[in-house]
Amino acid sequence: MKRYDLRGLGADFDRRMLEILASQESGSVTIFLFEVGDFSSIQRSADLVKEQGCTLINSLKFNEVDWTIVVQK
């Protein structure tokens, strides 16, 4: 299990998340941490995970501005 901090990318974390998911082996579990602005990024991340054929295991608010999702490929 690896954790990737995408907070430095702000709302533009999608491309990097795709790159990471594409490089993961089947069955691997990945944790992503990203910033939440207007909460649309939460739905975008869930849609992106689904489009990649992965499973969203967990999604939760980490603190006031950060969100964590756990994904299995």
C-alpha atoms as a PDB file:
ATOM      1  CA  MET A   1       0.000   0.000   0.000  1.00  0.00           C
ATOM      2  CA  LYS A   2       1.358   3.390  -1.004  1.00  0.00           C
ATOM      3  CA  ARG A   3       0.196   6.882  -0.134  1.00  0.00           C
ATOM      4  CA  TYR A   4       0.376   9.755  -2.603  1.00  0.00           C
ATOM      5  CA  ASP A   5       0.043  13.367  -1.478  1.00  0.00           C
ATOM      6  CA  LEU A   6      -1.580  15.338  -4.309  1.00  0.00           C
ATOM      7  CA  ARG A   7      -2.394  18.403  -2.206  1.00  0.00           C
ATOM      8  CA  GLY A   8       0.233  20.513  -3.956  1.00  0.00           C
ATOM      9  CA  LEU A   9      -1.696  20.136  -7.224  1.00  0.00           C
ATOM     10  CA  GLY A  10      -4.832  21.811  -5.884  1.00  0.00           C
ATOM     11  CA  ALA A  11      -7.892  21.004  -8.001  1.00  0.00           C
ATOM     12  CA  ASP A  12      -5.711  19.755 -10.889  1.00  0.00           C
ATOM     13  CA  PHE A  13      -4.846  16.385  -9.368  1.00  0.00           C
ATOM     14  CA  ASP A  14      -6.741  14.282 -11.948  1.00  0.00           C
ATOM     15  CA  ARG A  15      -3.905  13.724 -14.420  1.00  0.00           C
ATOM     16  CA  ARG A  16      -1.446  12.665 -11.728  1.00  0.00           C
ATOM     17  CA  MET A  17      -4.002  10.342 -10.134  1.00  0.00           C
ATOM     18  CA  LEU A  18      -4.558   8.702 -13.538  1.00  0.00           C
ATOM     19  CA  GLU A  19      -0.805   8.234 -14.036  1.00  0.00           C
ATOM     20  CA  ILE A  20      -0.457   6.604 -10.627  1.00  0.00           C
ATOM     21  CA  LEU A  21      -3.436   4.298 -11.089  1.00  0.00           C
ATOM     22  CA  ALA A  22      -2.176   3.230 -14.518  1.00  0.00           C
ATOM     23  CA  SER A  23       1.197   2.274 -13.033  1.00  0.00           C
ATOM     24  CA  GLN A  24      -0.268   0.164 -10.208  1.00  0.00           C
ATOM     25  CA  GLU A  25      -0.481  -3.630 -10.324  1.00  0.00           C
ATOM     26  CA  SER A  26      -3.847  -5.370 -10.200  1.00  0.00           C
ATOM     27  CA  GLY A  27      -4.961  -5.894  -6.605  1.00  0.00           C
ATOM     28  CA  SER A  28      -2.773  -3.114  -5.194  1.00  0.00           C
ATOM     29  CA  VAL A  29      -4.199  -0.606  -2.725  1.00  0.00           C
ATOM     30  CA  THR A  30      -3.358   3.090  -3.006  1.00  0.00           C
ATOM     31  CA  ILE A  31      -4.151   6.027  -0.733  1.00  0.00           C
ATOM     32  CA  PHE A  32      -4.580   9.490  -2.266  1.00  0.00           C
ATOM     33  CA  LEU A  33      -4.637  12.730  -0.324  1.00  0.00           C
ATOM     34  CA  PHE A  34      -5.920  15.845  -2.095  1.00  0.00           C
ATOM     35  CA  GLU A  35      -7.382  19.271  -1.361  1.00  0.00           C
ATOM     36  CA  VAL A  36     -11.103  19.860  -1.351  1.00  0.00           C
ATOM     37  CA  GLY A  37     -12.327  23.202  -2.632  1.00  0.00           C
ATOM     38  CA  ASP A  38     -15.997  23.145  -3.559  1.00  0.00           C
ATOM     39  CA  PHE A  39     -16.411  19.369  -3.074  1.00  0.00           C
ATOM     40  CA  SER A  40     -16.695  18.744  -6.843  1.00  0.00           C
ATOM     41  CA  SER A  41     -13.234  17.177  -6.667  1.00  0.00           C
ATOM     42  CA  ILE A  42     -14.640  14.404  -4.465  1.00  0.00           C
ATOM     43  CA  GLN A  43     -17.146  13.339  -7.119  1.00  0.00           C
ATOM     44  CA  ARG A  44     -14.492  13.740  -9.844  1.00  0.00           C
ATOM     45  CA  SER A  45     -12.132  11.446  -7.971  1.00  0.00           C
ATOM     46  CA  ALA A  46     -14.864   8.826  -7.475  1.00  0.00           C
ATOM     47  CA  ASP A  47     -15.788   8.995 -11.174  1.00  0.00           C
ATOM     48  CA  LEU A  48     -12.137   8.730 -12.190  1.00  0.00           C
ATOM     49  CA  VAL A  49     -11.644   5.639 -10.008  1.00  0.00           C
ATOM     50  CA  LYS A  50     -14.725   3.984 -11.500  1.00  0.00           C
ATOM     51  CA  GLU A  51     -13.686   4.827 -15.089  1.00  0.00           C
ATOM     52  CA  GLN A  52     -10.332   3.121 -14.476  1.00  0.00           C
ATOM     53  CA  GLY A  53     -12.062  -0.074 -13.368  1.00  0.00           C
ATOM     54  CA  CYS A  54     -10.836   0.341  -9.800  1.00  0.00           C
ATOM     55  CA  THR A  55     -12.738   0.078  -6.515  1.00  0.00           C
ATOM     56  CA  LEU A  56     -13.156   3.008  -4.162  1.00  0.00           C
ATOM     57  CA  ILE A  57     -12.669   1.371  -0.765  1.00  0.00           C
ATOM     58  CA  ASN A  58     -12.924   4.450   1.448  1.00  0.00           C
ATOM     59  CA  SER A  59     -13.434   8.187   1.115  1.00  0.00           C
ATOM     60  CA  LEU A  60     -13.216  10.521   4.079  1.00  0.00           C
ATOM     61  CA  LYS A  61     -12.491  14.036   5.153  1.00  0.00           C
ATOM     62  CA  PHE A  62      -9.004  14.219   6.646  1.00  0.00           C
ATOM     63  CA  ASN A  63      -9.266  17.716   8.107  1.00  0.00           C
ATOM     64  CA  GLU A  64     -10.859  21.038   7.113  1.00  0.00           C
ATOM     65  CA  VAL A  65      -9.386  21.157   3.594  1.00  0.00           C
ATOM     66  CA  ASP A  66      -7.997  17.693   2.800  1.00  0.00           C
ATOM     67  CA  TRP A  67      -9.690  14.529   1.609  1.00  0.00           C
ATOM     68  CA  THR A  68      -8.382  10.960   1.592  1.00  0.00           C
ATOM     69  CA  ILE A  69      -9.511   8.152  -0.686  1.00  0.00           C
ATOM     70  CA  VAL A  70      -8.398   4.528  -0.652  1.00  0.00           C
ATOM     71  CA  VAL A  71      -8.468   2.746  -4.016  1.00  0.00           C
ATOM     72  CA  GLN A  72      -7.919  -0.858  -5.039  1.00  0.00           C
ATOM     73  CA  LYS A  73      -6.950  -1.613  -8.609  1.00  0.00           C
END
